[in-house]
Full PDB file with SEQRES, HELIX, SHEET, SSBOND, CRYST1, ORIGX, SCALE, CONECT and MASTER records, all heavy atoms in Angstrom:
SEQRES   1 A   43  GLY GLY ALA GLY GLU ALA ALA GLY LEU GLY THR LEU ASP          
SEQRES   2 A   43  GLU LEU LEU ALA ALA TYR GLU ALA SER GLY GLY THR PRO          
SEQRES   3 A   43  VAL ASP ARG GLU VAL LEU HIS TRP TRP GLN VAL LEU GLY          
SEQRES   4 A   43  THR LEU ARG TRP                                              
HELIX    1 AA1 LEU A   12  ALA A   21  1                                  10    
HELIX    2 AA2 ARG A   29  ARG A   42  1                                  14    
CRYST1    1.000    1.000    1.000  90.00  90.00  90.00 P 1           1          
ORIGX1      1.000000  0.000000  0.000000        0.00000                         
ORIGX2      0.000000  1.000000  0.000000        0.00000                         
ORIGX3      0.000000  0.000000  1.000000        0.00000                         
SCALE1      1.000000  0.000000  0.000000        0.00000                         
SCALE2      0.000000  1.000000  0.000000        0.00000                         
SCALE3      0.000000  0.000000  1.000000        0.00000                         
ATOM      1  N   GLY A   1      36.629 106.673 124.087  1.00  0.00           N  
ATOM      2  CA  GLY A   1      37.352 107.316 122.998  1.00  0.00           C  
ATOM      3  C   GLY A   1      36.485 107.713 121.827  1.00  0.00           C  
ATOM      4  O   GLY A   1      36.964 108.385 120.905  1.00  0.00           O  
ATOM      5  N   GLY A   2      35.218 107.302 121.804  1.00  0.00           N  
ATOM      6  CA  GLY A   2      34.315 107.697 120.727  1.00  0.00           C  
ATOM      7  C   GLY A   2      33.937 109.163 120.837  1.00  0.00           C  
ATOM      8  O   GLY A   2      33.953 109.749 121.926  1.00  0.00           O  
ATOM      9  N   ALA A   3      33.571 109.757 119.711  1.00  0.00           N  
ATOM     10  CA  ALA A   3      33.306 111.194 119.690  1.00  0.00           C  
ATOM     11  C   ALA A   3      31.930 111.559 120.231  1.00  0.00           C  
ATOM     12  O   ALA A   3      31.747 112.639 120.785  1.00  0.00           O  
ATOM     13  CB  ALA A   3      33.447 111.709 118.252  1.00  0.00           C  
ATOM     14  N   GLY A   4      30.955 110.681 120.067  1.00  0.00           N  
ATOM     15  CA  GLY A   4      29.593 111.019 120.431  1.00  0.00           C  
ATOM     16  C   GLY A   4      29.358 111.040 121.928  1.00  0.00           C  
ATOM     17  O   GLY A   4      29.872 110.184 122.662  1.00  0.00           O  
ATOM     18  N   GLU A   5      28.551 112.010 122.401  1.00  0.00           N  
ATOM     19  CA  GLU A   5      28.241 112.080 123.830  1.00  0.00           C  
ATOM     20  C   GLU A   5      27.436 110.866 124.286  1.00  0.00           C  
ATOM     21  O   GLU A   5      27.502 110.487 125.451  1.00  0.00           O  
ATOM     22  CB  GLU A   5      27.438 113.347 124.130  1.00  0.00           C  
ATOM     23  CG  GLU A   5      28.207 114.636 123.973  1.00  0.00           C  
ATOM     24  CD  GLU A   5      27.302 115.842 124.141  1.00  0.00           C  
ATOM     25  OE1 GLU A   5      26.678 116.258 123.155  1.00  0.00           O  
ATOM     26  OE2 GLU A   5      27.203 116.328 125.282  1.00  0.00           O  
ATOM     27  N   ALA A   6      26.672 110.273 123.403  1.00  0.00           N  
ATOM     28  CA  ALA A   6      25.859 109.106 123.739  1.00  0.00           C  
ATOM     29  C   ALA A   6      26.692 107.844 123.550  1.00  0.00           C  
ATOM     30  O   ALA A   6      26.682 107.206 122.489  1.00  0.00           O  
ATOM     31  CB  ALA A   6      24.603 109.043 122.870  1.00  0.00           C  
ATOM     32  N   ALA A   7      27.491 107.519 124.569  1.00  0.00           N  
ATOM     33  CA  ALA A   7      28.308 106.305 124.594  1.00  0.00           C  
ATOM     34  C   ALA A   7      29.307 106.229 123.447  1.00  0.00           C  
ATOM     35  O   ALA A   7      29.712 105.139 123.044  1.00  0.00           O  
ATOM     36  CB  ALA A   7      27.416 105.068 124.593  1.00  0.00           C  
ATOM     37  N   GLY A   8      29.733 107.378 122.922  1.00  0.00           N  
ATOM     38  CA  GLY A   8      30.659 107.379 121.800  1.00  0.00           C  
ATOM     39  C   GLY A   8      30.024 107.053 120.479  1.00  0.00           C  
ATOM     40  O   GLY A   8      30.704 106.996 119.449  1.00  0.00           O  
ATOM     41  N   LEU A   9      28.690 106.864 120.460  1.00  0.00           N  
ATOM     42  CA  LEU A   9      27.986 106.387 119.271  1.00  0.00           C  
ATOM     43  C   LEU A   9      27.268 107.481 118.499  1.00  0.00           C  
ATOM     44  O   LEU A   9      27.163 107.423 117.281  1.00  0.00           O  
ATOM     45  CB  LEU A   9      26.947 105.328 119.676  1.00  0.00           C  
ATOM     46  CG  LEU A   9      27.488 104.014 120.225  1.00  0.00           C  
ATOM     47  CD1 LEU A   9      26.393 103.262 120.966  1.00  0.00           C  
ATOM     48  CD2 LEU A   9      28.031 103.161 119.083  1.00  0.00           C  
ATOM     49  N   GLY A  10      26.719 108.447 119.212  1.00  0.00           N  
ATOM     50  CA  GLY A  10      25.922 109.472 118.553  1.00  0.00           C  
ATOM     51  C   GLY A  10      25.821 110.702 119.427  1.00  0.00           C  
ATOM     52  O   GLY A  10      26.414 110.783 120.500  1.00  0.00           O  
ATOM     53  N   THR A  11      25.033 111.664 118.963  1.00  0.00           N  
ATOM     54  CA  THR A  11      24.923 112.915 119.695  1.00  0.00           C  
ATOM     55  C   THR A  11      23.910 112.796 120.826  1.00  0.00           C  
ATOM     56  O   THR A  11      23.038 111.922 120.830  1.00  0.00           O  
ATOM     57  CB  THR A  11      24.479 114.054 118.766  1.00  0.00           C  
ATOM     58  OG1 THR A  11      23.119 113.830 118.360  1.00  0.00           O  
ATOM     59  CG2 THR A  11      25.377 114.147 117.542  1.00  0.00           C  
ATOM     60  N   LEU A  12      24.022 113.706 121.769  1.00  0.00           N  
ATOM     61  CA  LEU A  12      23.060 113.762 122.860  1.00  0.00           C  
ATOM     62  C   LEU A  12      21.668 114.075 122.330  1.00  0.00           C  
ATOM     63  O   LEU A  12      20.676 113.509 122.796  1.00  0.00           O  
ATOM     64  CB  LEU A  12      23.501 114.822 123.876  1.00  0.00           C  
ATOM     65  CG  LEU A  12      22.659 114.935 125.146  1.00  0.00           C  
ATOM     66  CD1 LEU A  12      22.686 113.644 125.947  1.00  0.00           C  
ATOM     67  CD2 LEU A  12      23.151 116.104 126.009  1.00  0.00           C  
ATOM     68  N   ASP A  13      21.570 114.954 121.346  1.00  0.00           N  
ATOM     69  CA  ASP A  13      20.269 115.290 120.768  1.00  0.00           C  
ATOM     70  C   ASP A  13      19.604 114.056 120.166  1.00  0.00           C  
ATOM     71  O   ASP A  13      18.388 113.860 120.319  1.00  0.00           O  
ATOM     72  CB  ASP A  13      20.430 116.358 119.692  1.00  0.00           C  
ATOM     73  CG  ASP A  13      20.726 117.739 120.269  1.00  0.00           C  
ATOM     74  OD1 ASP A  13      20.484 117.943 121.478  1.00  0.00           O  
ATOM     75  OD2 ASP A  13      21.204 118.603 119.508  1.00  0.00           O  
ATOM     76  N   GLU A  14      20.376 113.221 119.483  1.00  0.00           N  
ATOM     77  CA  GLU A  14      19.818 111.993 118.885  1.00  0.00           C  
ATOM     78  C   GLU A  14      19.292 111.058 119.967  1.00  0.00           C  
ATOM     79  O   GLU A  14      18.202 110.484 119.839  1.00  0.00           O  
ATOM     80  CB  GLU A  14      20.891 111.286 118.052  1.00  0.00           C  
ATOM     81  CG  GLU A  14      21.267 112.001 116.767  1.00  0.00           C  
ATOM     82  CD  GLU A  14      22.498 111.415 116.110  1.00  0.00           C  
ATOM     83  OE1 GLU A  14      23.299 110.748 116.794  1.00  0.00           O  
ATOM     84  OE2 GLU A  14      22.671 111.638 114.892  1.00  0.00           O  
ATOM     85  N   LEU A  15      20.062 110.907 121.032  1.00  0.00           N  
ATOM     86  CA  LEU A  15      19.655 110.023 122.114  1.00  0.00           C  
ATOM     87  C   LEU A  15      18.359 110.504 122.759  1.00  0.00           C  
ATOM     88  O   LEU A  15      17.416 109.718 122.952  1.00  0.00           O  
ATOM     89  CB  LEU A  15      20.760 109.936 123.164  1.00  0.00           C  
ATOM     90  CG  LEU A  15      20.415 109.149 124.432  1.00  0.00           C  
ATOM     91  CD1 LEU A  15      20.292 107.657 124.128  1.00  0.00           C  
ATOM     92  CD2 LEU A  15      21.456 109.390 125.522  1.00  0.00           C  
ATOM     93  N   LEU A  16      18.300 111.782 123.110  1.00  0.00           N  
ATOM     94  CA  LEU A  16      17.139 112.296 123.829  1.00  0.00           C  
ATOM     95  C   LEU A  16      15.898 112.311 122.950  1.00  0.00           C  
ATOM     96  O   LEU A  16      14.787 112.031 123.426  1.00  0.00           O  
ATOM     97  CB  LEU A  16      17.443 113.689 124.371  1.00  0.00           C  
ATOM     98  CG  LEU A  16      18.621 113.787 125.344  1.00  0.00           C  
ATOM     99  CD1 LEU A  16      18.715 115.186 125.938  1.00  0.00           C  
ATOM    100  CD2 LEU A  16      18.539 112.733 126.441  1.00  0.00           C  
ATOM    101  N   ALA A  17      16.056 112.611 121.660  1.00  0.00           N  
ATOM    102  CA  ALA A  17      14.916 112.579 120.749  1.00  0.00           C  
ATOM    103  C   ALA A  17      14.362 111.162 120.633  1.00  0.00           C  
ATOM    104  O   ALA A  17      13.136 110.956 120.666  1.00  0.00           O  
ATOM    105  CB  ALA A  17      15.323 113.106 119.375  1.00  0.00           C  
ATOM    106  N   ALA A  18      15.246 110.172 120.524  1.00  0.00           N  
ATOM    107  CA  ALA A  18      14.796 108.781 120.421  1.00  0.00           C  
ATOM    108  C   ALA A  18      14.175 108.308 121.720  1.00  0.00           C  
ATOM    109  O   ALA A  18      13.188 107.550 121.713  1.00  0.00           O  
ATOM    110  CB  ALA A  18      15.974 107.890 120.037  1.00  0.00           C  
ATOM    111  N   TYR A  19      14.720 108.746 122.845  1.00  0.00           N  
ATOM    112  CA  TYR A  19      14.186 108.367 124.158  1.00  0.00           C  
ATOM    113  C   TYR A  19      12.766 108.908 124.337  1.00  0.00           C  
ATOM    114  O   TYR A  19      11.853 108.171 124.727  1.00  0.00           O  
ATOM    115  CB  TYR A  19      15.106 108.905 125.243  1.00  0.00           C  
ATOM    116  CG  TYR A  19      14.631 108.691 126.661  1.00  0.00           C  
ATOM    117  CD1 TYR A  19      14.708 107.422 127.252  1.00  0.00           C  
ATOM    118  CD2 TYR A  19      14.113 109.740 127.407  1.00  0.00           C  
ATOM    119  CE1 TYR A  19      14.281 107.229 128.557  1.00  0.00           C  
ATOM    120  CE2 TYR A  19      13.695 109.552 128.714  1.00  0.00           C  
ATOM    121  CZ  TYR A  19      13.773 108.290 129.281  1.00  0.00           C  
ATOM    122  OH  TYR A  19      13.346 108.094 130.579  1.00  0.00           O  
ATOM    123  N   GLU A  20      12.557 110.159 124.032  1.00  0.00           N  
ATOM    124  CA  GLU A  20      11.223 110.747 124.181  1.00  0.00           C  
ATOM    125  C   GLU A  20      10.246 110.157 123.167  1.00  0.00           C  
ATOM    126  O   GLU A  20       9.076 109.931 123.483  1.00  0.00           O  
ATOM    127  CB  GLU A  20      11.313 112.272 124.060  1.00  0.00           C  
ATOM    128  CG  GLU A  20      12.081 112.907 125.226  1.00  0.00           C  
ATOM    129  CD  GLU A  20      12.155 114.428 125.133  1.00  0.00           C  
ATOM    130  OE1 GLU A  20      11.531 115.002 124.207  1.00  0.00           O  
ATOM    131  OE2 GLU A  20      12.832 115.040 125.979  1.00  0.00           O  
ATOM    132  N   ALA A  21      10.720 109.864 121.946  1.00  0.00           N  
ATOM    133  CA  ALA A  21       9.854 109.250 120.936  1.00  0.00           C  
ATOM    134  C   ALA A  21       9.423 107.846 121.340  1.00  0.00           C  
ATOM    135  O   ALA A  21       8.364 107.367 120.908  1.00  0.00           O  
ATOM    136  CB  ALA A  21      10.580 109.208 119.594  1.00  0.00           C  
ATOM    137  N   SER A  22      10.227 107.187 122.171  1.00  0.00           N  
ATOM    138  CA  SER A  22       9.901 105.828 122.642  1.00  0.00           C  
ATOM    139  C   SER A  22       9.058 105.829 123.908  1.00  0.00           C  
ATOM    140  O   SER A  22       8.822 104.773 124.488  1.00  0.00           O  
ATOM    141  CB  SER A  22      11.193 105.037 122.885  1.00  0.00           C  
ATOM    142  OG  SER A  22      11.939 104.907 121.702  1.00  0.00           O  
ATOM    143  N   GLY A  23       8.638 106.998 124.355  1.00  0.00           N  
ATOM    144  CA  GLY A  23       7.792 107.082 125.543  1.00  0.00           C  
ATOM    145  C   GLY A  23       8.523 107.442 126.804  1.00  0.00           C  
ATOM    146  O   GLY A  23       7.948 107.354 127.899  1.00  0.00           O  
ATOM    147  N   GLY A  24       9.781 107.858 126.681  1.00  0.00           N  
ATOM    148  CA  GLY A  24      10.540 108.260 127.861  1.00  0.00           C  
ATOM    149  C   GLY A  24      10.096 109.606 128.401  1.00  0.00           C  
ATOM    150  O   GLY A  24       9.484 110.412 127.697  1.00  0.00           O  
ATOM    151  N   THR A  25      10.416 109.866 129.651  1.00  0.00           N  
ATOM    152  CA  THR A  25      10.080 111.125 130.303  1.00  0.00           C  
ATOM    153  C   THR A  25      10.744 112.301 129.583  1.00  0.00           C  
ATOM    154  O   THR A  25      11.922 112.213 129.227  1.00  0.00           O  
ATOM    155  CB  THR A  25      10.578 111.098 131.766  1.00  0.00           C  
ATOM    156  OG1 THR A  25      10.038 109.958 132.419  1.00  0.00           O  
ATOM    157  CG2 THR A  25      10.180 112.357 132.501  1.00  0.00           C  
ATOM    158  N   PRO A  26      10.025 113.418 129.347  1.00  0.00           N  
ATOM    159  CA  PRO A  26      10.674 114.600 128.753  1.00  0.00           C  
ATOM    160  C   PRO A  26      11.894 115.023 129.571  1.00  0.00           C  
ATOM    161  O   PRO A  26      11.870 115.021 130.804  1.00  0.00           O  
ATOM    162  CB  PRO A  26       9.568 115.662 128.808  1.00  0.00           C  
ATOM    163  CG  PRO A  26       8.294 114.873 128.775  1.00  0.00           C  
ATOM    164  CD  PRO A  26       8.586 113.617 129.549  1.00  0.00           C  
ATOM    165  N   VAL A  27      12.965 115.371 128.867  1.00  0.00           N  
ATOM    166  CA  VAL A  27      14.254 115.589 129.518  1.00  0.00           C  
ATOM    167  C   VAL A  27      14.515 117.082 129.727  1.00  0.00           C  
ATOM    168  O   VAL A  27      14.474 117.869 128.782  1.00  0.00           O  
ATOM    169  CB  VAL A  27      15.400 114.965 128.701  1.00  0.00           C  
ATOM    170  CG1 VAL A  27      16.752 115.260 129.342  1.00  0.00           C  
ATOM    171  CG2 VAL A  27      15.180 113.462 128.544  1.00  0.00           C  
ATOM    172  N   ASP A  28      14.780 117.463 130.960  1.00  0.00           N  
ATOM    173  CA  ASP A  28      15.246 118.799 131.314  1.00  0.00           C  
ATOM    174  C   ASP A  28      16.779 118.757 131.243  1.00  0.00           C  
ATOM    175  O   ASP A  28      17.423 118.019 131.997  1.00  0.00           O  
ATOM    176  CB  ASP A  28      14.767 119.160 132.721  1.00  0.00           C  
ATOM    177  CG  ASP A  28      15.181 120.554 133.161  1.00  0.00           C  
ATOM    178  OD1 ASP A  28      16.341 120.941 132.920  1.00  0.00           O  
ATOM    179  OD2 ASP A  28      14.355 121.246 133.784  1.00  0.00           O  
ATOM    180  N   ARG A  29      17.374 119.566 130.351  1.00  0.00           N  
ATOM    181  CA  ARG A  29      18.818 119.489 130.130  1.00  0.00           C  
ATOM    182  C   ARG A  29      19.616 119.866 131.381  1.00  0.00           C  
ATOM    183  O   ARG A  29      20.699 119.318 131.606  1.00  0.00           O  
ATOM    184  CB  ARG A  29      19.226 120.403 128.967  1.00  0.00           C  
ATOM    185  CG  ARG A  29      18.669 119.992 127.606  1.00  0.00           C  
ATOM    186  CD  ARG A  29      19.204 118.650 127.138  1.00  0.00           C  
ATOM    187  NE  ARG A  29      18.754 118.340 125.801  1.00  0.00           N  
ATOM    188  CZ  ARG A  29      19.502 118.431 124.693  1.00  0.00           C  
ATOM    189  NH1 ARG A  29      20.762 118.808 124.779  1.00  0.00           N  
ATOM    190  NH2 ARG A  29      19.011 118.136 123.519  1.00  0.00           N  
ATOM    191  N   GLU A  30      19.120 120.785 132.190  1.00  0.00           N  
ATOM    192  CA  GLU A  30      19.848 121.152 133.403  1.00  0.00           C  
ATOM    193  C   GLU A  30      19.841 120.014 134.415  1.00  0.00           C  
ATOM    194  O   GLU A  30      20.850 119.752 135.079  1.00  0.00           O  
ATOM    195  CB  GLU A  30      19.239 122.415 134.017  1.00  0.00           C  
ATOM    196  CG  GLU A  30      19.495 123.668 133.206  1.00  0.00           C  
ATOM    197  CD  GLU A  30      19.041 124.922 133.931  1.00  0.00           C  
ATOM    198  OE1 GLU A  30      18.580 124.814 135.095  1.00  0.00           O  
ATOM    199  OE2 GLU A  30      19.146 126.006 133.337  1.00  0.00           O  
ATOM    200  N   VAL A  31      18.707 119.330 134.515  1.00  0.00           N  
ATOM    201  CA  VAL A  31      18.632 118.168 135.405  1.00  0.00           C  
ATOM    202  C   VAL A  31      19.564 117.073 134.894  1.00  0.00           C  
ATOM    203  O   VAL A  31      20.286 116.427 135.667  1.00  0.00           O  
ATOM    204  CB  VAL A  31      17.189 117.657 135.525  1.00  0.00           C  
ATOM    205  CG1 VAL A  31      17.143 116.355 136.331  1.00  0.00           C  
ATOM    206  CG2 VAL A  31      16.304 118.719 136.171  1.00  0.00           C  
ATOM    207  N   LEU A  32      19.564 116.872 133.585  1.00  0.00           N  
ATOM    208  CA  LEU A  32      20.454 115.864 133.005  1.00  0.00           C  
ATOM    209  C   LEU A  32      21.912 116.196 133.300  1.00  0.00           C  
ATOM    210  O   LEU A  32      22.700 115.305 133.646  1.00  0.00           O  
ATOM    211  CB  LEU A  32      20.228 115.765 131.500  1.00  0.00           C  
ATOM    212  CG  LEU A  32      21.160 114.796 130.754  1.00  0.00           C  
ATOM    213  CD1 LEU A  32      20.999 113.368 131.256  1.00  0.00           C  
ATOM    214  CD2 LEU A  32      20.914 114.869 129.249  1.00  0.00           C  
ATOM    215  N   HIS A  33      22.299 117.458 133.189  1.00  0.00           N  
ATOM    216  CA  HIS A  33      23.677 117.845 133.480  1.00  0.00           C  
ATOM    217  C   HIS A  33      24.032 117.524 134.940  1.00  0.00           C  
ATOM    218  O   HIS A  33      25.142 117.054 135.232  1.00  0.00           O  
ATOM    219  CB  HIS A  33      23.898 119.337 133.215  1.00  0.00           C  
ATOM    220  CG  HIS A  33      25.281 119.798 133.522  1.00  0.00           C  
ATOM    221  ND1 HIS A  33      26.368 119.523 132.718  1.00  0.00           N  
ATOM    222  CD2 HIS A  33      25.775 120.499 134.580  1.00  0.00           C  
ATOM    223  CE1 HIS A  33      27.466 120.036 133.253  1.00  0.00           C  
ATOM    224  NE2 HIS A  33      27.130 120.630 134.389  1.00  0.00           N  
ATOM    225  N   TRP A  34      23.096 117.768 135.855  1.00  0.00           N  
ATOM    226  CA  TRP A  34      23.341 117.445 137.264  1.00  0.00           C  
ATOM    227  C   TRP A  34      23.649 115.955 137.403  1.00  0.00           C  
ATOM    228  O   TRP A  34      24.582 115.568 138.124  1.00  0.00           O  
ATOM    229  CB  TRP A  34      22.114 117.820 138.104  1.00  0.00           C  
ATOM    230  CG  TRP A  34      22.329 117.722 139.586  1.00  0.00           C  
ATOM    231  CD1 TRP A  34      22.768 118.694 140.422  1.00  0.00           C  
ATOM    232  CD2 TRP A  34      22.101 116.551 140.409  1.00  0.00           C  
ATOM    233  NE1 TRP A  34      22.830 118.217 141.718  1.00  0.00           N  
ATOM    234  CE2 TRP A  34      22.430 116.916 141.738  1.00  0.00           C  
ATOM    235  CE3 TRP A  34      21.642 115.261 140.159  1.00  0.00           C  
ATOM    236  CZ2 TRP A  34      22.322 116.022 142.808  1.00  0.00           C  
ATOM    237  CZ3 TRP A  34      21.545 114.363 141.220  1.00  0.00           C  
ATOM    238  CH2 TRP A  34      21.877 114.741 142.527  1.00  0.00           C  
ATOM    239  N   TRP A  35      22.891 115.133 136.691  1.00  0.00           N  
ATOM    240  CA  TRP A  35      23.119 113.686 136.779  1.00  0.00           C  
ATOM    241  C   TRP A  35      24.415 113.266 136.081  1.00  0.00           C  
ATOM    242  O   TRP A  35      25.044 112.281 136.471  1.00  0.00           O  
ATOM    243  CB  TRP A  35      21.924 112.925 136.209  1.00  0.00           C  
ATOM    244  CG  TRP A  35      20.781 112.875 137.179  1.00  0.00           C  
ATOM    245  CD1 TRP A  35      19.639 113.608 137.162  1.00  0.00           C  
ATOM    246  CD2 TRP A  35      20.695 112.032 138.343  1.00  0.00           C  
ATOM    247  NE1 TRP A  35      18.840 113.285 138.235  1.00  0.00           N  
ATOM    248  CE2 TRP A  35      19.467 112.320 138.970  1.00  0.00           C  
ATOM    249  CE3 TRP A  35      21.521 111.060 138.901  1.00  0.00           C  
ATOM    250  CZ2 TRP A  35      19.050 111.686 140.141  1.00  0.00           C  
ATOM    251  CZ3 TRP A  35      21.122 110.418 140.058  1.00  0.00           C  
ATOM    252  CH2 TRP A  35      19.905 110.730 140.667  1.00  0.00           C  
ATOM    253  N   GLN A  36      24.844 114.017 135.088  1.00  0.00           N  
ATOM    254  CA  GLN A  36      26.139 113.725 134.461  1.00  0.00           C  
ATOM    255  C   GLN A  36      27.279 114.025 135.432  1.00  0.00           C  
ATOM    256  O   GLN A  36      28.257 113.269 135.502  1.00  0.00           O  
ATOM    257  CB  GLN A  36      26.295 114.541 133.179  1.00  0.00           C  
ATOM    258  CG  GLN A  36      25.404 114.073 132.043  1.00  0.00           C  
ATOM    259  CD  GLN A  36      25.424 115.014 130.852  1.00  0.00           C  
ATOM    260  OE1 GLN A  36      25.501 116.229 131.017  1.00  0.00           O  
ATOM    261  NE2 GLN A  36      25.360 114.459 129.654  1.00  0.00           N  
ATOM    262  N   VAL A  37      27.145 115.121 136.178  1.00  0.00           N  
ATOM    263  CA  VAL A  37      28.156 115.428 137.191  1.00  0.00           C  
ATOM    264  C   VAL A  37      28.161 114.346 138.270  1.00  0.00           C  
ATOM    265  O   VAL A  37      29.218 113.828 138.658  1.00  0.00           O  
ATOM    266  CB  VAL A  37      27.907 116.819 137.815  1.00  0.00           C  
ATOM    267  CG1 VAL A  37      28.863 117.060 138.990  1.00  0.00           C  
ATOM    268  CG2 VAL A  37      28.071 117.907 136.774  1.00  0.00           C  
ATOM    269  N   LEU A  38      26.958 113.971 138.734  1.00  0.00           N  
ATOM    270  CA  LEU A  38      26.888 112.939 139.764  1.00  0.00           C  
ATOM    271  C   LEU A  38      27.410 111.606 139.241  1.00  0.00           C  
ATOM    272  O   LEU A  38      28.118 110.885 139.948  1.00  0.00           O  
ATOM    273  CB  LEU A  38      25.445 112.777 140.258  1.00  0.00           C  
ATOM    274  CG  LEU A  38      25.259 111.723 141.358  1.00  0.00           C  
ATOM    275  CD1 LEU A  38      26.076 112.069 142.597  1.00  0.00           C  
ATOM    276  CD2 LEU A  38      23.788 111.555 141.734  1.00  0.00           C  
ATOM    277  N   GLY A  39      27.094 111.284 137.991  1.00  0.00           N  
ATOM    278  CA  GLY A  39      27.580 110.031 137.417  1.00  0.00           C  
ATOM    279  C   GLY A  39      29.087 109.986 137.338  1.00  0.00           C  
ATOM    280  O   GLY A  39      29.723 108.964 137.638  1.00  0.00           O  
ATOM    281  N   THR A  40      29.687 111.099 136.953  1.00  0.00           N  
ATOM    282  CA  THR A  40      31.145 111.161 136.880  1.00  0.00           C  
ATOM    283  C   THR A  40      31.762 111.013 138.266  1.00  0.00           C  
ATOM    284  O   THR A  40      32.734 110.265 138.461  1.00  0.00           O  
ATOM    285  CB  THR A  40      31.575 112.495 136.246  1.00  0.00           C  
ATOM    286  OG1 THR A  40      30.987 112.601 134.941  1.00  0.00           O  
ATOM    287  CG2 THR A  40      33.086 112.587 136.136  1.00  0.00           C  
ATOM    288  N   LEU A  41      31.186 111.693 139.235  1.00  0.00           N  
ATOM    289  CA  LEU A  41      31.661 111.570 140.617  1.00  0.00           C  
ATOM    290  C   LEU A  41      31.460 110.150 141.135  1.00  0.00           C  
ATOM    291  O   LEU A  41      32.354 109.580 141.796  1.00  0.00           O  
ATOM    292  CB  LEU A  41      30.918 112.570 141.500  1.00  0.00           C  
ATOM    293  CG  LEU A  41      31.222 112.526 143.005  1.00  0.00           C  
ATOM    294  CD1 LEU A  41      32.693 112.803 143.284  1.00  0.00           C  
ATOM    295  CD2 LEU A  41      30.339 113.530 143.750  1.00  0.00           C  
ATOM    296  N   ARG A  42      30.313 109.590 140.852  1.00  0.00           N  
ATOM    297  CA  ARG A  42      30.024 108.221 141.282  1.00  0.00           C  
ATOM    298  C   ARG A  42      31.068 107.250 140.742  1.00  0.00           C  
ATOM    299  O   ARG A  42      31.566 106.381 141.470  1.00  0.00           O  
ATOM    300  CB  ARG A  42      28.629 107.833 140.794  1.00  0.00           C  
ATOM    301  CG  ARG A  42      28.263 106.374 140.968  1.00  0.00           C  
ATOM    302  CD  ARG A  42      26.957 106.091 140.242  1.00  0.00           C  
ATOM    303  NE  ARG A  42      26.731 104.660 140.077  1.00  0.00           N  
ATOM    304  CZ  ARG A  42      25.868 104.140 139.213  1.00  0.00           C  
ATOM    305  NH1 ARG A  42      25.162 104.931 138.434  1.00  0.00           N  
ATOM    306  NH2 ARG A  42      25.720 102.833 139.128  1.00  0.00           N  
ATOM    307  N   TRP A  43      31.414 107.389 139.457  1.00  0.00           N  
ATOM    308  CA  TRP A  43      32.420 106.496 138.883  1.00  0.00           C  
ATOM    309  C   TRP A  43      33.766 106.684 139.574  1.00  0.00           C  
ATOM    310  O   TRP A  43      34.478 105.727 139.856  1.00  0.00           O  
ATOM    311  CB  TRP A  43      32.536 106.736 137.382  1.00  0.00           C  
ATOM    312  CG  TRP A  43      33.644 105.981 136.715  1.00  0.00           C  
ATOM    313  CD1 TRP A  43      34.639 106.485 135.945  1.00  0.00           C  
ATOM    314  CD2 TRP A  43      33.883 104.563 136.762  1.00  0.00           C  
ATOM    315  NE1 TRP A  43      35.480 105.492 135.510  1.00  0.00           N  
ATOM    316  CE2 TRP A  43      35.037 104.298 135.993  1.00  0.00           C  
ATOM    317  CE3 TRP A  43      33.241 103.499 137.380  1.00  0.00           C  
ATOM    318  CZ2 TRP A  43      35.562 103.022 135.826  1.00  0.00           C  
ATOM    319  CZ3 TRP A  43      33.764 102.216 137.221  1.00  0.00           C  
ATOM    320  CH2 TRP A  43      34.907 101.984 136.453  1.00  0.00           C  
TER     321      TRP A  43                                                      
MASTER        0    0    0    2    0    0    0    6  320    1    0    4          
END                                                                             
């Protein structure tokens, strides 16, 4: 029920910027969308 795409807490841009700043793999938004579709189907 939270508004933010990142677990209802914040925006997707905030999450991905923090992830990459922490040493995470650079994020391809189209690849991420594919995994969001798969995640929804998986659930």
